[in-house]
Protein backbone atom coordinates (compact mmCIF):
# COMPACT_ATOMS: atom_id res chain seq x y z
CA UNK A 1 109.45 92.27 69.42
CA UNK A 2 107.17 90.69 66.77
CA UNK A 3 104.29 92.08 64.36
CA UNK A 4 102.76 94.75 63.98
CA UNK A 5 106.01 97.50 65.32
CA UNK A 6 108.79 97.62 67.32
CA UNK A 7 108.63 96.89 71.57
CA UNK A 8 106.75 100.30 73.27
CA UNK A 9 105.29 101.47 70.17
CA UNK A 10 101.94 102.22 70.55
CA UNK A 11 99.40 99.97 69.71
CA UNK A 12 102.71 97.00 68.83
CA UNK A 13 102.33 93.76 69.30
CA UNK A 14 104.29 92.38 72.47
CA UNK A 15 105.18 88.59 71.16
CA UNK A 16 106.05 86.36 74.61
CA UNK A 17 108.21 83.35 73.43
CA UNK A 18 107.98 80.39 75.04
CA UNK A 19 110.52 78.60 73.50
CA UNK A 20 112.68 77.85 76.65
CA UNK A 21 115.61 76.65 74.35
CA UNK A 22 115.51 79.63 71.73
CA UNK A 23 118.53 82.48 72.11
CA UNK A 24 115.56 84.27 72.82
CA UNK A 25 114.18 83.38 76.02
CA UNK A 26 117.92 83.84 77.37
CA UNK A 27 118.95 87.05 76.54
CA UNK A 28 115.53 87.82 78.54
CA UNK A 29 116.44 86.32 81.35
CA UNK A 30 120.01 87.44 81.15
CA UNK A 31 118.64 91.08 81.44
CA UNK A 32 115.82 90.15 83.28
CA UNK A 33 117.11 88.53 86.13
CA UNK A 34 120.50 88.34 85.95
CA UNK A 35 123.08 85.67 84.65
CA UNK A 36 121.85 82.76 87.26
CA UNK A 37 117.81 83.02 87.23
CA UNK A 38 117.12 79.23 88.05
CA UNK A 39 117.32 80.18 92.10
CA UNK A 40 114.48 83.11 90.66
CA UNK A 41 112.42 81.09 88.80
CA UNK A 42 111.42 78.04 91.60
CA UNK A 43 108.22 76.49 90.74
CA UNK A 44 105.29 76.85 93.82
CA UNK A 45 104.09 73.96 95.97
CA UNK A 46 100.86 72.58 94.27
CA UNK A 47 98.50 73.10 97.09
CA UNK A 48 99.13 76.79 97.11
CA UNK A 49 97.33 78.92 95.49
CA UNK A 50 97.97 80.59 91.55
CA UNK A 51 95.00 82.33 91.28
CA UNK A 52 91.81 84.45 93.59
CA UNK A 53 89.25 85.83 91.03
CA UNK A 54 85.63 86.67 91.12
CA UNK A 55 82.89 84.97 89.92
CA UNK A 56 80.25 86.58 86.63
CA UNK A 57 78.05 87.30 88.67
CA UNK A 58 75.57 85.91 86.21
CA UNK A 59 73.62 84.64 88.85
CA UNK A 60 73.66 86.42 91.91
CA UNK A 61 76.02 88.54 93.88
CA UNK A 62 80.00 87.98 92.41
CA UNK A 63 81.52 85.34 94.70
CA UNK A 64 85.29 85.04 95.76
CA UNK A 65 87.25 81.77 94.59
CA UNK A 66 90.76 80.63 94.59
CA UNK A 67 92.54 77.56 92.00
CA UNK A 68 95.47 76.61 93.16
CA UNK A 69 98.58 75.59 90.84
CA UNK A 70 97.98 71.95 90.97
CA UNK A 71 94.69 72.10 88.91
CA UNK A 72 95.51 74.45 86.20
CA UNK A 73 99.05 72.19 85.89
CA UNK A 74 96.60 69.44 86.20
CA UNK A 75 94.56 70.49 83.14
CA UNK A 76 96.96 72.40 80.61
CA UNK A 77 97.93 68.60 79.21
CA UNK A 78 94.11 67.72 78.49
CA UNK A 79 93.14 71.41 77.06
CA UNK A 80 96.04 71.45 74.88
CA UNK A 81 94.92 68.55 73.25
CA UNK A 82 91.78 69.68 73.19
CA UNK A 83 92.61 73.04 71.36
CA UNK A 84 95.33 71.79 69.29
CA UNK A 85 98.23 73.76 71.29
CA UNK A 86 101.87 72.40 70.07
CA UNK A 87 105.09 73.80 70.66
CA UNK A 88 104.79 74.60 66.83
CA UNK A 89 101.81 77.12 67.17
CA UNK A 90 101.51 80.64 67.25
CA UNK A 91 98.98 82.09 69.38
CA UNK A 92 96.76 85.20 69.20
CA UNK A 93 95.12 86.03 72.01
CA UNK A 94 94.29 89.92 71.79
CA UNK A 95 92.11 90.64 75.04
CA UNK A 96 93.49 91.21 78.20
CA UNK A 97 95.42 89.15 80.28
CA UNK A 98 93.50 90.11 83.59
CA UNK A 99 90.87 88.07 81.91
CA UNK A 100 90.85 84.10 82.33
CA UNK A 101 90.68 83.72 78.54
CA UNK A 102 93.60 85.63 77.35
CA UNK A 103 95.41 84.05 81.01
CA UNK A 104 95.08 80.56 80.78
CA UNK A 105 96.06 80.51 76.70
CA UNK A 106 99.12 82.52 78.07
CA UNK A 107 99.16 79.24 80.15
CA UNK A 108 98.65 76.79 77.73
CA UNK A 109 101.84 78.68 75.37
CA UNK A 110 104.10 78.52 78.30
CA UNK A 111 103.40 74.72 79.33
CA UNK A 112 103.86 73.51 75.15
CA UNK A 113 106.57 76.02 74.79
CA UNK A 114 104.86 78.01 71.80
CA UNK A 115 104.73 81.50 70.80
CA UNK A 116 102.40 84.06 72.06
CA UNK A 117 101.02 87.45 70.87
CA UNK A 118 98.50 89.72 72.77
CA UNK A 119 97.84 93.72 72.35
CA UNK A 120 98.16 96.66 75.23
CA UNK A 121 93.86 96.53 74.25
CA UNK A 122 91.61 95.08 71.64
CA UNK A 123 91.74 96.98 67.99
CA UNK A 124 90.10 95.29 64.89
CA UNK A 125 92.57 96.89 62.57
CA UNK A 126 95.70 95.54 64.71
CA UNK A 127 94.40 92.04 64.89
CA UNK A 128 93.76 91.94 60.90
CA UNK A 129 97.49 93.25 60.42
CA UNK A 130 98.74 90.86 62.25
CA UNK A 131 96.92 88.03 60.68
CA UNK A 132 97.54 89.58 57.36
CA UNK A 133 101.70 89.12 58.38
CA UNK A 134 101.15 85.80 58.09
CA UNK A 135 102.23 84.55 61.15
CA UNK A 136 99.23 83.39 63.24
CA UNK A 137 98.41 79.74 63.76
CA UNK A 138 95.93 80.33 66.60
CA UNK A 139 93.10 82.93 67.98
CA UNK A 140 91.66 82.97 71.08
CA UNK A 141 88.42 85.43 71.91
CA UNK A 142 85.38 86.00 72.66
CA UNK A 143 82.07 86.03 70.45
CA UNK A 144 82.13 89.97 70.06
CA UNK A 145 86.29 90.45 68.93
CA UNK A 146 85.88 87.86 66.88
CA UNK A 147 82.41 89.02 65.62
CA UNK A 148 84.16 92.49 64.87
CA UNK A 149 86.94 90.98 63.20
CA UNK A 150 85.19 88.54 60.59
CA UNK A 151 83.56 92.20 59.14
CA UNK A 152 86.87 93.83 59.31
CA UNK A 153 88.10 90.58 57.28
CA UNK A 154 85.13 91.18 55.02
CA UNK A 155 85.58 94.76 54.54
CA UNK A 156 89.55 93.65 53.26
CA UNK A 157 88.43 90.85 51.41
CA UNK A 158 91.03 88.98 53.15
CA UNK A 159 91.58 85.10 53.74
CA UNK A 160 93.85 83.58 56.24
CA UNK A 161 94.18 80.17 55.91
CA UNK A 162 96.82 79.73 57.76
CA UNK A 163 95.13 80.08 60.99
CA UNK A 164 94.38 76.61 62.18
CA UNK A 165 92.46 77.00 64.94
CA UNK A 166 89.74 79.74 66.62
CA UNK A 167 88.76 79.30 70.41
CA UNK A 168 86.08 81.42 71.45
CA UNK A 169 84.13 81.26 74.95
CA UNK A 170 82.23 83.56 76.39
CA UNK A 171 78.38 83.03 74.43
CA UNK A 172 77.76 80.96 71.85
CA UNK A 173 79.00 82.07 67.79
CA UNK A 174 75.92 83.58 66.25
CA UNK A 175 75.34 81.51 62.76
CA UNK A 176 76.53 85.17 60.55
CA UNK A 177 79.97 85.00 62.95
CA UNK A 178 80.25 81.43 62.40
CA UNK A 179 80.12 81.40 58.34
CA UNK A 180 81.91 84.82 57.90
CA UNK A 181 84.70 82.70 59.82
CA UNK A 182 84.41 79.56 58.20
CA UNK A 183 84.55 81.72 54.43
CA UNK A 184 87.60 84.37 56.04
CA UNK A 185 89.60 81.67 57.99
CA UNK A 186 88.63 78.82 56.00
CA UNK A 187 90.94 76.12 57.17
CA UNK A 188 90.22 76.91 60.83
CA UNK A 189 88.61 74.69 63.39
CA UNK A 190 86.50 76.45 65.75
CA UNK A 191 86.24 75.18 69.00
CA UNK A 192 83.14 76.77 71.79
CA UNK A 193 83.83 76.04 74.57
CA UNK A 194 81.63 76.88 78.09
CA UNK A 195 83.54 76.46 81.31
CA UNK A 196 84.02 79.31 84.36
CA UNK A 197 87.31 80.38 85.87
CA UNK A 198 85.88 78.60 89.43
CA UNK A 199 85.09 75.58 87.33
CA UNK A 200 87.63 74.96 84.67
CA UNK A 201 85.86 73.74 81.37
CA UNK A 202 82.78 72.15 81.27
CA UNK A 203 81.85 71.26 77.08
CA UNK A 204 83.19 71.86 74.20
CA UNK A 205 81.55 72.41 70.52
CA UNK A 206 83.85 72.00 67.84
CA UNK A 207 83.04 72.73 64.37
CA UNK A 208 85.66 71.88 61.73
CA UNK A 209 86.21 73.49 58.58
CA UNK A 210 85.00 70.97 56.26
CA UNK A 211 82.00 70.77 58.37
CA UNK A 212 78.74 71.71 56.29
CA UNK A 213 76.69 74.18 57.03
CA UNK A 214 73.84 72.05 58.67
CA UNK A 215 76.27 71.48 61.77
CA UNK A 216 76.21 75.19 62.53
CA UNK A 217 74.54 77.06 64.97
CA UNK A 218 71.26 78.31 64.64
């Protein structure tokens, strides 16, 4: 269980801990997989298919693609370095895990042994409440989510300097959303990236908290 309510409570956060040495993980395994889960939790072969999906269809008909386990395994150490993910962090990805952005954020957390929180559906008030609990250090969102969240934080006149990283993908952040992010998440290093589920990461734009306003996107 975690901030926002008890497990199963409507609107409550689902928190998954990647701390494989912690008692929470051990008790979860015992409850769901029995006393000897090692035989059931066997890593798949690198060449095996991990993910099957479809492209967005932005430039034509959506096309099916598959990603191997090896491709994701190879990318995780690199992306964790770029997006500042380590075992001490607490990631909130309030979007659907069926979307590549949220799924990959969860994979990064499991790779580093840190903590992860999500929501049954996106709710800006619930996200603001989770931030108010002071337990989130990394936020993974799309621009529309960040736009609504920063408006809500402005209404609340709330600031959360403990959030050290904001990862945004899907489209370019507009200047006003970035301005509100810097105001209400003043300690956050904003990382905007372009990528695709079938390609992986292509490019990343960094806006550290001390960047001058002129360095912000137009």
